[in-house]
Amino acid sequence: MAKAEVDFLMGLFEKGLKDDLKLILLREDIRNSVIGDTSKLPRNLDESIARVEKTTMNNPRLHLVVAVNYSGKHDVVQACRRISQKVKDGLIVPEDIDEVLVEQDLEMCRVSLP
C-alpha cells in the first residue's frame, strides 16, 4: 500500500474519531478501546484515540474494541518483555510466571469481556 493511501486512511480514521464516531459513541453510551501498537500511528491520530478512549471510558452500554496495528505475536512478545523486566527488577521470580500472569500483561486484558 502506498504512503499516500495509508495517509488518506489514517486521515479518515482521525476525522471519524473527531466527528461522527465520537458523537455516536457518546449518544449511544458506547465505550471505545483501541488495542495494538498505536506508537507507529501519526501522533495526532494517537492523541485522538486517547481522547476518545478517555471520553467514553465510563460508557456502560456496549464496548467497541478496535484493533489497530495489532498482532497476537507482538502482544505475546511485549508481555514476555514486561514480565522479564519484572524478573530482572526482582519484583517476581521465574516460578511466579503462569497463565494468569501472562494474561495480565496482554493487551486483551485491558478489554473487559462480557
PDB file of N, CA and C in Angstrom:
ATOM      1  N   MET A   1       0.853  -1.170   0.000  1.00  0.00           N
ATOM      2  CA  MET A   1       0.000   0.000   0.000  1.00  0.00           C
ATOM      3  C   MET A   1       0.900   1.234   0.000  1.00  0.00           C
ATOM      4  N   ALA A   2       0.600   2.179  -0.859  1.00  0.00           N
ATOM      5  CA  ALA A   2       1.401   3.389  -0.991  1.00  0.00           C
ATOM      6  C   ALA A   2       1.200   4.308   0.209  1.00  0.00           C
ATOM      7  N   LYS A   3       2.225   5.116   0.498  1.00  0.00           N
ATOM      8  CA  LYS A   3       2.168   6.043   1.629  1.00  0.00           C
ATOM      9  C   LYS A   3       0.969   6.971   1.519  1.00  0.00           C
ATOM     10  N   ALA A   4       0.660   7.431   0.327  1.00  0.00           N
ATOM     11  CA  ALA A   4      -0.482   8.337   0.139  1.00  0.00           C
ATOM     12  C   ALA A   4      -1.791   7.654   0.545  1.00  0.00           C
ATOM     13  N   GLU A   5      -1.912   6.374   0.221  1.00  0.00           N
ATOM     14  CA  GLU A   5      -3.126   5.630   0.593  1.00  0.00           C
ATOM     15  C   GLU A   5      -3.230   5.469   2.109  1.00  0.00           C
ATOM     16  N   VAL A   6      -2.103   5.139   2.731  1.00  0.00           N
ATOM     17  CA  VAL A   6      -2.085   4.987   4.188  1.00  0.00           C
ATOM     18  C   VAL A   6      -2.428   6.314   4.857  1.00  0.00           C
ATOM     19  N   ASP A   7      -1.817   7.401   4.376  1.00  0.00           N
ATOM     20  CA  ASP A   7      -2.101   8.730   4.936  1.00  0.00           C
ATOM     21  C   ASP A   7      -3.578   9.074   4.799  1.00  0.00           C
ATOM     22  N   PHE A   8      -4.160   8.748   3.656  1.00  0.00           N
ATOM     23  CA  PHE A   8      -5.584   9.019   3.431  1.00  0.00           C
ATOM     24  C   PHE A   8      -6.446   8.246   4.433  1.00  0.00           C
ATOM     25  N   LEU A   9      -6.150   6.955   4.604  1.00  0.00           N
ATOM     26  CA  LEU A   9      -6.916   6.127   5.536  1.00  0.00           C
ATOM     27  C   LEU A   9      -6.761   6.602   6.980  1.00  0.00           C
ATOM     28  N   MET A  10      -5.549   6.981   7.356  1.00  0.00           N
ATOM     29  CA  MET A  10      -5.326   7.491   8.713  1.00  0.00           C
ATOM     30  C   MET A  10      -6.090   8.798   8.924  1.00  0.00           C
ATOM     31  N   GLY A  11      -6.140   9.625   7.884  1.00  0.00           N
ATOM     32  CA  GLY A  11      -6.905  10.874   7.960  1.00  0.00           C
ATOM     33  C   GLY A  11      -8.392  10.613   8.141  1.00  0.00           C
ATOM     34  N   LEU A  12      -8.916   9.626   7.416  1.00  0.00           N
ATOM     35  CA  LEU A  12     -10.333   9.260   7.573  1.00  0.00           C
ATOM     36  C   LEU A  12     -10.620   8.759   8.989  1.00  0.00           C
ATOM     37  N   PHE A  13      -9.726   7.935   9.499  1.00  0.00           N
ATOM     38  CA  PHE A  13      -9.890   7.393  10.844  1.00  0.00           C
ATOM     39  C   PHE A  13      -9.910   8.533  11.870  1.00  0.00           C
ATOM     40  N   GLU A  14      -8.966   9.450  11.736  1.00  0.00           N
ATOM     41  CA  GLU A  14      -8.901  10.569  12.683  1.00  0.00           C
ATOM     42  C   GLU A  14     -10.137  11.455  12.578  1.00  0.00           C
ATOM     43  N   LYS A  15     -10.570  11.744  11.359  1.00  0.00           N
ATOM     44  CA  LYS A  15     -11.770  12.572  11.175  1.00  0.00           C
ATOM     45  C   LYS A  15     -12.976  11.901  11.819  1.00  0.00           C
ATOM     46  N   GLY A  16     -13.101  10.604  11.627  1.00  0.00           N
ATOM     47  CA  GLY A  16     -14.209   9.868  12.236  1.00  0.00           C
ATOM     48  C   GLY A  16     -14.176   9.929  13.747  1.00  0.00           C
ATOM     49  N   LEU A  17     -12.971   9.825  14.313  1.00  0.00           N
ATOM     50  CA  LEU A  17     -12.845   9.891  15.770  1.00  0.00           C
ATOM     51  C   LEU A  17     -13.220  11.269  16.299  1.00  0.00           C
ATOM     52  N   LYS A  18     -12.908  12.286  15.530  1.00  0.00           N
ATOM     53  CA  LYS A  18     -13.186  13.651  15.985  1.00  0.00           C
ATOM     54  C   LYS A  18     -14.645  14.030  15.782  1.00  0.00           C
ATOM     55  N   ASP A  19     -15.277  13.471  14.782  1.00  0.00           N
ATOM     56  CA  ASP A  19     -16.620  13.914  14.418  1.00  0.00           C
ATOM     57  C   ASP A  19     -17.669  12.848  14.700  1.00  0.00           C
ATOM     58  N   ASP A  20     -18.074  12.171  13.662  1.00  0.00           N
ATOM     59  CA  ASP A  20     -19.208  11.249  13.697  1.00  0.00           C
ATOM     60  C   ASP A  20     -19.098  10.152  14.751  1.00  0.00           C
ATOM     61  N   LEU A  21     -18.004   9.426  14.738  1.00  0.00           N
ATOM     62  CA  LEU A  21     -17.875   8.278  15.628  1.00  0.00           C
ATOM     63  C   LEU A  21     -17.951   8.697  17.090  1.00  0.00           C
ATOM     64  N   LYS A  22     -17.262   9.766  17.431  1.00  0.00           N
ATOM     65  CA  LYS A  22     -17.267  10.228  18.817  1.00  0.00           C
ATOM     66  C   LYS A  22     -18.686  10.580  19.263  1.00  0.00           C
ATOM     67  N   LEU A  23     -19.427  11.272  18.406  1.00  0.00           N
ATOM     68  CA  LEU A  23     -20.805  11.649  18.746  1.00  0.00           C
ATOM     69  C   LEU A  23     -21.693  10.416  18.914  1.00  0.00           C
ATOM     70  N   ILE A  24     -21.540   9.454  18.017  1.00  0.00           N
ATOM     71  CA  ILE A  24     -22.336   8.219  18.102  1.00  0.00           C
ATOM     72  C   ILE A  24     -22.002   7.462  19.384  1.00  0.00           C
ATOM     73  N   LEU A  25     -20.722   7.351  19.698  1.00  0.00           N
ATOM     74  CA  LEU A  25     -20.317   6.640  20.909  1.00  0.00           C
ATOM     75  C   LEU A  25     -20.915   7.294  22.152  1.00  0.00           C
ATOM     76  N   LEU A  26     -20.888   8.610  22.183  1.00  0.00           N
ATOM     77  CA  LEU A  26     -21.440   9.318  23.341  1.00  0.00           C
ATOM     78  C   LEU A  26     -22.957   9.190  23.395  1.00  0.00           C
ATOM     79  N   ARG A  27     -23.607   9.394  22.260  1.00  0.00           N
ATOM     80  CA  ARG A  27     -25.070   9.326  22.219  1.00  0.00           C
ATOM     81  C   ARG A  27     -25.579   7.936  22.588  1.00  0.00           C
ATOM     82  N   GLU A  28     -24.901   6.912  22.107  1.00  0.00           N
ATOM     83  CA  GLU A  28     -25.345   5.533  22.331  1.00  0.00           C
ATOM     84  C   GLU A  28     -24.737   4.908  23.588  1.00  0.00           C
ATOM     85  N   ASP A  29     -23.957   5.688  24.332  1.00  0.00           N
ATOM     86  CA  ASP A  29     -23.365   5.229  25.593  1.00  0.00           C
ATOM     87  C   ASP A  29     -22.429   4.040  25.385  1.00  0.00           C
ATOM     88  N   ILE A  30     -21.581   4.140  24.342  1.00  0.00           N
ATOM     89  CA  ILE A  30     -20.665   3.056  23.982  1.00  0.00           C
ATOM     90  C   ILE A  30     -19.238   3.424  24.389  1.00  0.00           C
ATOM     91  N   ARG A  31     -18.595   2.492  25.045  1.00  0.00           N
ATOM     92  CA  ARG A  31     -17.188   2.654  25.416  1.00  0.00           C
ATOM     93  C   ARG A  31     -16.334   2.217  24.233  1.00  0.00           C
ATOM     94  N   ASN A  32     -15.238   2.932  23.981  1.00  0.00           N
ATOM     95  CA  ASN A  32     -14.338   2.585  22.888  1.00  0.00           C
ATOM     96  C   ASN A  32     -12.939   2.341  23.428  1.00  0.00           C
ATOM     97  N   SER A  33     -12.353   1.221  23.038  1.00  0.00           N
ATOM     98  CA  SER A  33     -10.965   0.909  23.377  1.00  0.00           C
ATOM     99  C   SER A  33     -10.243   0.520  22.098  1.00  0.00           C
ATOM    100  N   VAL A  34      -8.983   0.886  22.028  1.00  0.00           N
ATOM    101  CA  VAL A  34      -8.156   0.511  20.888  1.00  0.00           C
ATOM    102  C   VAL A  34      -7.012  -0.338  21.411  1.00  0.00           C
ATOM    103  N   ILE A  35      -6.809  -1.495  20.797  1.00  0.00           N
ATOM    104  CA  ILE A  35      -5.672  -2.341  21.137  1.00  0.00           C
ATOM    105  C   ILE A  35      -4.731  -2.361  19.945  1.00  0.00           C
ATOM    106  N   GLY A  36      -3.468  -2.596  20.219  1.00  0.00           N
ATOM    107  CA  GLY A  36      -2.475  -2.649  19.163  1.00  0.00           C
ATOM    108  C   GLY A  36      -1.373  -1.646  19.424  1.00  0.00           C
ATOM    109  N   ASP A  37      -0.406  -1.628  18.540  1.00  0.00           N
ATOM    110  CA  ASP A  37       0.751  -0.748  18.673  1.00  0.00           C
ATOM    111  C   ASP A  37       0.443   0.588  18.017  1.00  0.00           C
ATOM    112  N   THR A  38      -0.136   1.492  18.789  1.00  0.00           N
ATOM    113  CA  THR A  38      -0.508   2.802  18.231  1.00  0.00           C
ATOM    114  C   THR A  38       0.687   3.744  18.150  1.00  0.00           C
ATOM    115  N   SER A  39       1.839   3.328  18.670  1.00  0.00           N
ATOM    116  CA  SER A  39       3.023   4.199  18.626  1.00  0.00           C
ATOM    117  C   SER A  39       3.494   4.440  17.192  1.00  0.00           C
ATOM    118  N   LYS A  40       3.095   3.581  16.282  1.00  0.00           N
ATOM    119  CA  LYS A  40       3.500   3.734  14.878  1.00  0.00           C
ATOM    120  C   LYS A  40       2.548   4.651  14.095  1.00  0.00           C
ATOM    121  N   LEU A  41       1.457   5.048  14.720  1.00  0.00           N
ATOM    122  CA  LEU A  41       0.486   5.930  14.066  1.00  0.00           C
ATOM    123  C   LEU A  41       0.963   7.373  14.139  1.00  0.00           C
ATOM    124  N   PRO A  42       0.436   8.229  13.258  1.00  0.00           N
ATOM    125  CA  PRO A  42       0.744   9.653  13.388  1.00  0.00           C
ATOM    126  C   PRO A  42       0.333  10.138  14.785  1.00  0.00           C
ATOM    127  N   ARG A  43       1.137  11.031  15.352  1.00  0.00           N
ATOM    128  CA  ARG A  43       0.905  11.496  16.723  1.00  0.00           C
ATOM    129  C   ARG A  43      -0.504  12.045  16.918  1.00  0.00           C
ATOM    130  N   ASN A  44      -0.988  12.839  15.965  1.00  0.00           N
ATOM    131  CA  ASN A  44      -2.323  13.431  16.120  1.00  0.00           C
ATOM    132  C   ASN A  44      -3.412  12.354  16.164  1.00  0.00           C
ATOM    133  N   LEU A  45      -3.249  11.274  15.419  1.00  0.00           N
ATOM    134  CA  LEU A  45      -4.221  10.182  15.448  1.00  0.00           C
ATOM    135  C   LEU A  45      -4.138   9.437  16.780  1.00  0.00           C
ATOM    136  N   ASP A  46      -2.930   9.182  17.243  1.00  0.00           N
ATOM    137  CA  ASP A  46      -2.737   8.519  18.531  1.00  0.00           C
ATOM    138  C   ASP A  46      -3.371   9.349  19.654  1.00  0.00           C
ATOM    139  N   GLU A  47      -3.211  10.662  19.585  1.00  0.00           N
ATOM    140  CA  GLU A  47      -3.810  11.554  20.589  1.00  0.00           C
ATOM    141  C   GLU A  47      -5.334  11.544  20.492  1.00  0.00           C
ATOM    142  N   SER A  48      -5.872  11.508  19.279  1.00  0.00           N
ATOM    143  CA  SER A  48      -7.333  11.440  19.099  1.00  0.00           C
ATOM    144  C   SER A  48      -7.890  10.151  19.686  1.00  0.00           C
ATOM    145  N   ILE A  49      -7.191   9.051  19.469  1.00  0.00           N
ATOM    146  CA  ILE A  49      -7.611   7.763  20.024  1.00  0.00           C
ATOM    147  C   ILE A  49      -7.650   7.850  21.549  1.00  0.00           C
ATOM    148  N   ALA A  50      -6.595   8.403  22.129  1.00  0.00           N
ATOM    149  CA  ALA A  50      -6.530   8.516  23.595  1.00  0.00           C
ATOM    150  C   ALA A  50      -7.673   9.376  24.131  1.00  0.00           C
ATOM    151  N   ARG A  51      -7.995  10.465  23.428  1.00  0.00           N
ATOM    152  CA  ARG A  51      -9.094  11.345  23.868  1.00  0.00           C
ATOM    153  C   ARG A  51     -10.433  10.618  23.837  1.00  0.00           C
ATOM    154  N   VAL A  52     -10.696   9.888  22.761  1.00  0.00           N
ATOM    155  CA  VAL A  52     -11.971   9.167  22.642  1.00  0.00           C
ATOM    156  C   VAL A  52     -12.053   8.073  23.706  1.00  0.00           C
ATOM    157  N   GLU A  53     -10.958   7.353  23.927  1.00  0.00           N
ATOM    158  CA  GLU A  53     -10.963   6.321  24.971  1.00  0.00           C
ATOM    159  C   GLU A  53     -11.267   6.935  26.333  1.00  0.00           C
ATOM    160  N   LYS A  54     -10.633   8.067  26.615  1.00  0.00           N
ATOM    161  CA  LYS A  54     -10.854   8.724  27.909  1.00  0.00           C
ATOM    162  C   LYS A  54     -12.289   9.238  28.025  1.00  0.00           C
ATOM    163  N   THR A  55     -12.798   9.838  26.957  1.00  0.00           N
ATOM    164  CA  THR A  55     -14.145  10.407  26.965  1.00  0.00           C
ATOM    165  C   THR A  55     -15.213   9.338  27.152  1.00  0.00           C
ATOM    166  N   THR A  56     -14.982   8.154  26.601  1.00  0.00           N
ATOM    167  CA  THR A  56     -16.014   7.102  26.626  1.00  0.00           C
ATOM    168  C   THR A  56     -15.768   6.027  27.681  1.00  0.00           C
ATOM    169  N   MET A  57     -14.730   6.165  28.472  1.00  0.00           N
ATOM    170  CA  MET A  57     -14.318   5.076  29.370  1.00  0.00           C
ATOM    171  C   MET A  57     -15.387   4.630  30.374  1.00  0.00           C
ATOM    172  N   ASN A  58     -16.335   5.478  30.701  1.00  0.00           N
ATOM    173  CA  ASN A  58     -17.372   5.101  31.667  1.00  0.00           C
ATOM    174  C   ASN A  58     -18.708   4.766  31.016  1.00  0.00           C
ATOM    175  N   ASN A  59     -18.738   4.709  29.688  1.00  0.00           N
ATOM    176  CA  ASN A  59     -19.982   4.364  28.994  1.00  0.00           C
ATOM    177  C   ASN A  59     -20.238   2.865  29.147  1.00  0.00           C
ATOM    178  N   PRO A  60     -21.391   2.499  29.745  1.00  0.00           N
ATOM    179  CA  PRO A  60     -21.614   1.097  30.105  1.00  0.00           C
ATOM    180  C   PRO A  60     -22.391   0.230  29.112  1.00  0.00           C
ATOM    181  N   ARG A  61     -23.033   0.835  28.115  1.00  0.00           N
ATOM    182  CA  ARG A  61     -23.975   0.062  27.295  1.00  0.00           C
ATOM    183  C   ARG A  61     -23.296  -1.019  26.456  1.00  0.00           C
ATOM    184  N   LEU A  62     -22.310  -0.631  25.672  1.00  0.00           N
ATOM    185  CA  LEU A  62     -21.553  -1.562  24.826  1.00  0.00           C
ATOM    186  C   LEU A  62     -20.079  -1.204  24.914  1.00  0.00           C
ATOM    187  N   HIS A  63     -19.234  -2.136  24.474  1.00  0.00           N
ATOM    188  CA  HIS A  63     -17.796  -1.878  24.448  1.00  0.00           C
ATOM    189  C   HIS A  63     -17.282  -2.209  23.050  1.00  0.00           C
ATOM    190  N   LEU A  64     -16.919  -1.175  22.304  1.00  0.00           N
ATOM    191  CA  LEU A  64     -16.371  -1.327  20.960  1.00  0.00           C
ATOM    192  C   LEU A  64     -14.850  -1.388  21.066  1.00  0.00           C
ATOM    193  N   VAL A  65     -14.276  -2.510  20.642  1.00  0.00           N
ATOM    194  CA  VAL A  65     -12.830  -2.684  20.672  1.00  0.00           C
ATOM    195  C   VAL A  65     -12.331  -2.672  19.235  1.00  0.00           C
ATOM    196  N   VAL A  66     -11.418  -1.755  18.950  1.00  0.00           N
ATOM    197  CA  VAL A  66     -10.860  -1.621  17.609  1.00  0.00           C
ATOM    198  C   VAL A  66      -9.392  -2.042  17.669  1.00  0.00           C
ATOM    199  N   ALA A  67      -9.020  -3.001  16.830  1.00  0.00           N
ATOM    200  CA  ALA A  67      -7.628  -3.448  16.755  1.00  0.00           C
ATOM    201  C   ALA A  67      -6.932  -2.677  15.641  1.00  0.00           C
ATOM    202  N   VAL A  68      -5.932  -1.907  16.019  1.00  0.00           N
ATOM    203  CA  VAL A  68      -5.173  -1.096  15.073  1.00  0.00           C
ATOM    204  C   VAL A  68      -3.709  -1.511  15.177  1.00  0.00           C
ATOM    205  N   ASN A  69      -3.150  -1.961  14.080  1.00  0.00           N
ATOM    206  CA  ASN A  69      -1.760  -2.406  14.071  1.00  0.00           C
ATOM    207  C   ASN A  69      -1.539  -3.451  15.170  1.00  0.00           C
ATOM    208  N   TYR A  70      -2.492  -4.365  15.299  1.00  0.00           N
ATOM    209  CA  TYR A  70      -2.441  -5.393  16.345  1.00  0.00           C
ATOM    210  C   TYR A  70      -1.964  -6.717  15.767  1.00  0.00           C
ATOM    211  N   SER A  71      -1.089  -7.364  16.511  1.00  0.00           N
ATOM    212  CA  SER A  71      -0.618  -8.701  16.161  1.00  0.00           C
ATOM    213  C   SER A  71      -0.561  -9.517  17.447  1.00  0.00           C
ATOM    214  N   GLY A  72      -1.165 -10.677  17.438  1.00  0.00           N
ATOM    215  CA  GLY A  72      -1.123 -11.542  18.607  1.00  0.00           C
ATOM    216  C   GLY A  72       0.302 -11.890  19.004  1.00  0.00           C
ATOM    217  N   LYS A  73       1.147 -12.154  18.008  1.00  0.00           N
ATOM    218  CA  LYS A  73       2.549 -12.479  18.297  1.00  0.00           C
ATOM    219  C   LYS A  73       3.240 -11.304  18.978  1.00  0.00           C
ATOM    220  N   HIS A  74       3.012 -10.108  18.443  1.00  0.00           N
ATOM    221  CA  HIS A  74       3.613  -8.904  19.024  1.00  0.00           C
ATOM    222  C   HIS A  74       3.129  -8.720  20.464  1.00  0.00           C
ATOM    223  N   ASP A  75       1.855  -8.963  20.693  1.00  0.00           N
ATOM    224  CA  ASP A  75       1.275  -8.829  22.028  1.00  0.00           C
ATOM    225  C   ASP A  75       1.956  -9.788  23.004  1.00  0.00           C
ATOM    226  N   VAL A  76       2.152 -11.033  22.588  1.00  0.00           N
ATOM    227  CA  VAL A  76       2.808 -12.026  23.447  1.00  0.00           C
ATOM    228  C   VAL A  76       4.259 -11.625  23.712  1.00  0.00           C
ATOM    229  N   VAL A  77       4.967 -11.175  22.680  1.00  0.00           N
ATOM    230  CA  VAL A  77       6.363 -10.756  22.845  1.00  0.00           C
ATOM    231  C   VAL A  77       6.452  -9.586  23.826  1.00  0.00           C
ATOM    232  N   GLN A  78       5.565  -8.603  23.680  1.00  0.00           N
ATOM    233  CA  GLN A  78       5.581  -7.454  24.589  1.00  0.00           C
ATOM    234  C   GLN A  78       5.286  -7.888  26.025  1.00  0.00           C
ATOM    235  N   ALA A  79       4.342  -8.799  26.197  1.00  0.00           N
ATOM    236  CA  ALA A  79       4.031  -9.312  27.540  1.00  0.00           C
ATOM    237  C   ALA A  79       5.256 -10.014  28.127  1.00  0.00           C
ATOM    238  N   CYS A  80       5.939 -10.811  27.313  1.00  0.00           N
ATOM    239  CA  CYS A  80       7.146 -11.502  27.779  1.00  0.00           C
ATOM    240  C   CYS A  80       8.223 -10.506  28.192  1.00  0.00           C
ATOM    241  N   ARG A  81       8.368  -9.440  27.431  1.00  0.00           N
ATOM    242  CA  ARG A  81       9.366  -8.417  27.776  1.00  0.00           C
ATOM    243  C   ARG A  81       9.025  -7.740  29.103  1.00  0.00           C
ATOM    244  N   ARG A  82       7.748  -7.420  29.294  1.00  0.00           N
ATOM    245  CA  ARG A  82       7.351  -6.780  30.554  1.00  0.00           C
ATOM    246  C   ARG A  82       7.567  -7.732  31.734  1.00  0.00           C
ATOM    247  N   ILE A  83       7.226  -8.996  31.543  1.00  0.00           N
ATOM    248  CA  ILE A  83       7.417  -9.982  32.612  1.00  0.00           C
ATOM    249  C   ILE A  83       8.906 -10.182  32.886  1.00  0.00           C
ATOM    250  N   SER A  84       9.717 -10.252  31.834  1.00  0.00           N
ATOM    251  CA  SER A  84      11.167 -10.397  32.004  1.00  0.00           C
ATOM    252  C   SER A  84      11.739  -9.229  32.798  1.00  0.00           C
ATOM    253  N   GLN A  85      11.231  -8.040  32.526  1.00  0.00           N
ATOM    254  CA  GLN A  85      11.693  -6.859  33.254  1.00  0.00           C
ATOM    255  C   GLN A  85      11.319  -6.959  34.732  1.00  0.00           C
ATOM    256  N   LYS A  86      10.137  -7.488  35.018  1.00  0.00           N
ATOM    257  CA  LYS A  86       9.717  -7.675  36.419  1.00  0.00           C
ATOM    258  C   LYS A  86      10.648  -8.656  37.134  1.00  0.00           C
ATOM    259  N   VAL A  87      11.075  -9.714  36.420  1.00  0.00           N
ATOM    260  CA  VAL A  87      12.023 -10.668  36.999  1.00  0.00           C
ATOM    261  C   VAL A  87      13.353  -9.965  37.242  1.00  0.00           C
ATOM    262  N   LYS A  88      13.819  -9.228  36.244  1.00  0.00           N
ATOM    263  CA  LYS A  88      15.091  -8.513  36.341  1.00  0.00           C
ATOM    264  C   LYS A  88      15.078  -7.518  37.497  1.00  0.00           C
ATOM    265  N   ASP A  89      13.940  -6.854  37.702  1.00  0.00           N
ATOM    266  CA  ASP A  89      13.811  -5.862  38.776  1.00  0.00           C
ATOM    267  C   ASP A  89      13.589  -6.503  40.145  1.00  0.00           C
ATOM    268  N   GLY A  90      13.467  -7.832  40.171  1.00  0.00           N
ATOM    269  CA  GLY A  90      13.273  -8.535  41.428  1.00  0.00           C
ATOM    270  C   GLY A  90      11.853  -8.487  41.962  1.00  0.00           C
ATOM    271  N   LEU A  91      10.910  -8.070  41.118  1.00  0.00           N
ATOM    272  CA  LEU A  91       9.513  -7.991  41.554  1.00  0.00           C
ATOM    273  C   LEU A  91       8.853  -9.363  41.598  1.00  0.00           C
ATOM    274  N   ILE A  92       9.325 -10.261  40.734  1.00  0.00           N
ATOM    275  CA  ILE A  92       8.821 -11.637  40.706  1.00  0.00           C
ATOM    276  C   ILE A  92       9.999 -12.570  40.450  1.00  0.00           C
ATOM    277  N   VAL A  93       9.784 -13.850  40.680  1.00  0.00           N
ATOM    278  CA  VAL A  93      10.786 -14.865  40.343  1.00  0.00           C
ATOM    279  C   VAL A  93      10.216 -15.696  39.198  1.00  0.00           C
ATOM    280  N   PRO A  94      11.076 -16.345  38.414  1.00  0.00           N
ATOM    281  CA  PRO A  94      10.576 -17.111  37.265  1.00  0.00           C
ATOM    282  C   PRO A  94       9.468 -18.098  37.616  1.00  0.00           C
ATOM    283  N   GLU A  95       9.501 -18.650  38.817  1.00  0.00           N
ATOM    284  CA  GLU A  95       8.477 -19.609  39.222  1.00  0.00           C
ATOM    285  C   GLU A  95       7.095 -18.965  39.356  1.00  0.00           C
ATOM    286  N   ASP A  96       7.050 -17.638  39.444  1.00  0.00           N
ATOM    287  CA  ASP A  96       5.764 -16.926  39.528  1.00  0.00           C
ATOM    288  C   ASP A  96       5.046 -16.861  38.180  1.00  0.00           C
ATOM    289  N   ILE A  97       5.774 -17.129  37.106  1.00  0.00           N
ATOM    290  CA  ILE A  97       5.198 -16.982  35.772  1.00  0.00           C
ATOM    291  C   ILE A  97       4.246 -18.140  35.491  1.00  0.00           C
ATOM    292  N   ASP A  98       2.985 -17.785  35.260  1.00  0.00           N
ATOM    293  CA  ASP A  98       1.964 -18.768  34.915  1.00  0.00           C
ATOM    294  C   ASP A  98       0.985 -18.124  33.931  1.00  0.00           C
ATOM    295  N   GLU A  99      -0.041 -18.854  33.554  1.00  0.00           N
ATOM    296  CA  GLU A  99      -1.005 -18.335  32.577  1.00  0.00           C
ATOM    297  C   GLU A  99      -1.662 -17.045  33.048  1.00  0.00           C
ATOM    298  N   VAL A 100      -1.978 -16.974  34.321  1.00  0.00           N
ATOM    299  CA  VAL A 100      -2.651 -15.787  34.861  1.00  0.00           C
ATOM    300  C   VAL A 100      -1.752 -14.562  34.727  1.00  0.00           C
ATOM    301  N   LEU A 101      -0.478 -14.698  35.088  1.00  0.00           N
ATOM    302  CA  LEU A 101       0.457 -13.579  34.998  1.00  0.00           C
ATOM    303  C   LEU A 101       0.629 -13.124  33.554  1.00  0.00           C
ATOM    304  N   VAL A 102       0.793 -14.077  32.646  1.00  0.00           N
ATOM    305  CA  VAL A 102       0.947 -13.726  31.227  1.00  0.00           C
ATOM    306  C   VAL A 102      -0.305 -13.020  30.728  1.00  0.00           C
ATOM    307  N   GLU A 103      -1.463 -13.556  31.066  1.00  0.00           N
ATOM    308  CA  GLU A 103      -2.723 -12.947  30.623  1.00  0.00           C
ATOM    309  C   GLU A 103      -2.852 -11.504  31.109  1.00  0.00           C
ATOM    310  N   GLN A 104      -2.396 -11.232  32.319  1.00  0.00           N
ATOM    311  CA  GLN A 104      -2.488  -9.882  32.872  1.00  0.00           C
ATOM    312  C   GLN A 104      -1.655  -8.880  32.083  1.00  0.00           C
ATOM    313  N   ASP A 105      -0.620  -9.356  31.402  1.00  0.00           N
ATOM    314  CA  ASP A 105       0.242  -8.453  30.652  1.00  0.00           C
ATOM    315  C   ASP A 105      -0.118  -8.350  29.172  1.00  0.00           C
ATOM    316  N   LEU A 106      -1.111  -9.094  28.731  1.00  0.00           N
ATOM    317  CA  LEU A 106      -1.554  -8.992  27.337  1.00  0.00           C
ATOM    318  C   LEU A 106      -2.468  -7.782  27.160  1.00  0.00           C
ATOM    319  N   GLU A 107      -2.462  -7.210  25.972  1.00  0.00           N
ATOM    320  CA  GLU A 107      -3.328  -6.063  25.688  1.00  0.00           C
ATOM    321  C   GLU A 107      -4.794  -6.397  25.869  1.00  0.00           C
ATOM    322  N   MET A 108      -5.165  -7.620  25.559  1.00  0.00           N
ATOM    323  CA  MET A 108      -6.570  -8.010  25.687  1.00  0.00           C
ATOM    324  C   MET A 108      -7.053  -7.916  27.130  1.00  0.00           C
ATOM    325  N   CYS A 109      -6.130  -7.879  28.077  1.00  0.00           N
ATOM    326  CA  CYS A 109      -6.516  -7.742  29.479  1.00  0.00           C
ATOM    327  C   CYS A 109      -7.190  -6.388  29.716  1.00  0.00           C
ATOM    328  N   ARG A 110      -6.864  -5.399  28.885  1.00  0.00           N
ATOM    329  CA  ARG A 110      -7.476  -4.068  29.003  1.00  0.00           C
ATOM    330  C   ARG A 110      -8.941  -4.090  28.602  1.00  0.00           C
ATOM    331  N   VAL A 111      -9.339  -5.138  27.921  1.00  0.00           N
ATOM    332  CA  VAL A 111     -10.693  -5.221  27.390  1.00  0.00           C
ATOM    333  C   VAL A 111     -11.537  -6.064  28.331  1.00  0.00           C
ATOM    334  N   SER A 112     -12.582  -5.463  28.873  1.00  0.00           N
ATOM    335  CA  SER A 112     -13.468  -6.237  29.745  1.00  0.00           C
ATOM    336  C   SER A 112     -14.385  -7.083  28.877  1.00  0.00           C
ATOM    337  N   LEU A 113     -14.300  -8.377  29.086  1.00  0.00           N
ATOM    338  CA  LEU A 113     -15.097  -9.304  28.290  1.00  0.00           C
ATOM    339  C   LEU A 113     -16.479  -9.462  28.900  1.00  0.00           C
ATOM    340  N   PRO A 114     -17.496  -9.719  28.057  1.00  0.00           N
ATOM    341  CA  PRO A 114     -18.860  -9.874  28.584  1.00  0.00           C
ATOM    342  C   PRO A 114     -18.988 -11.121  29.440  1.00  0.00           C
TER     343      PRO A 114
END
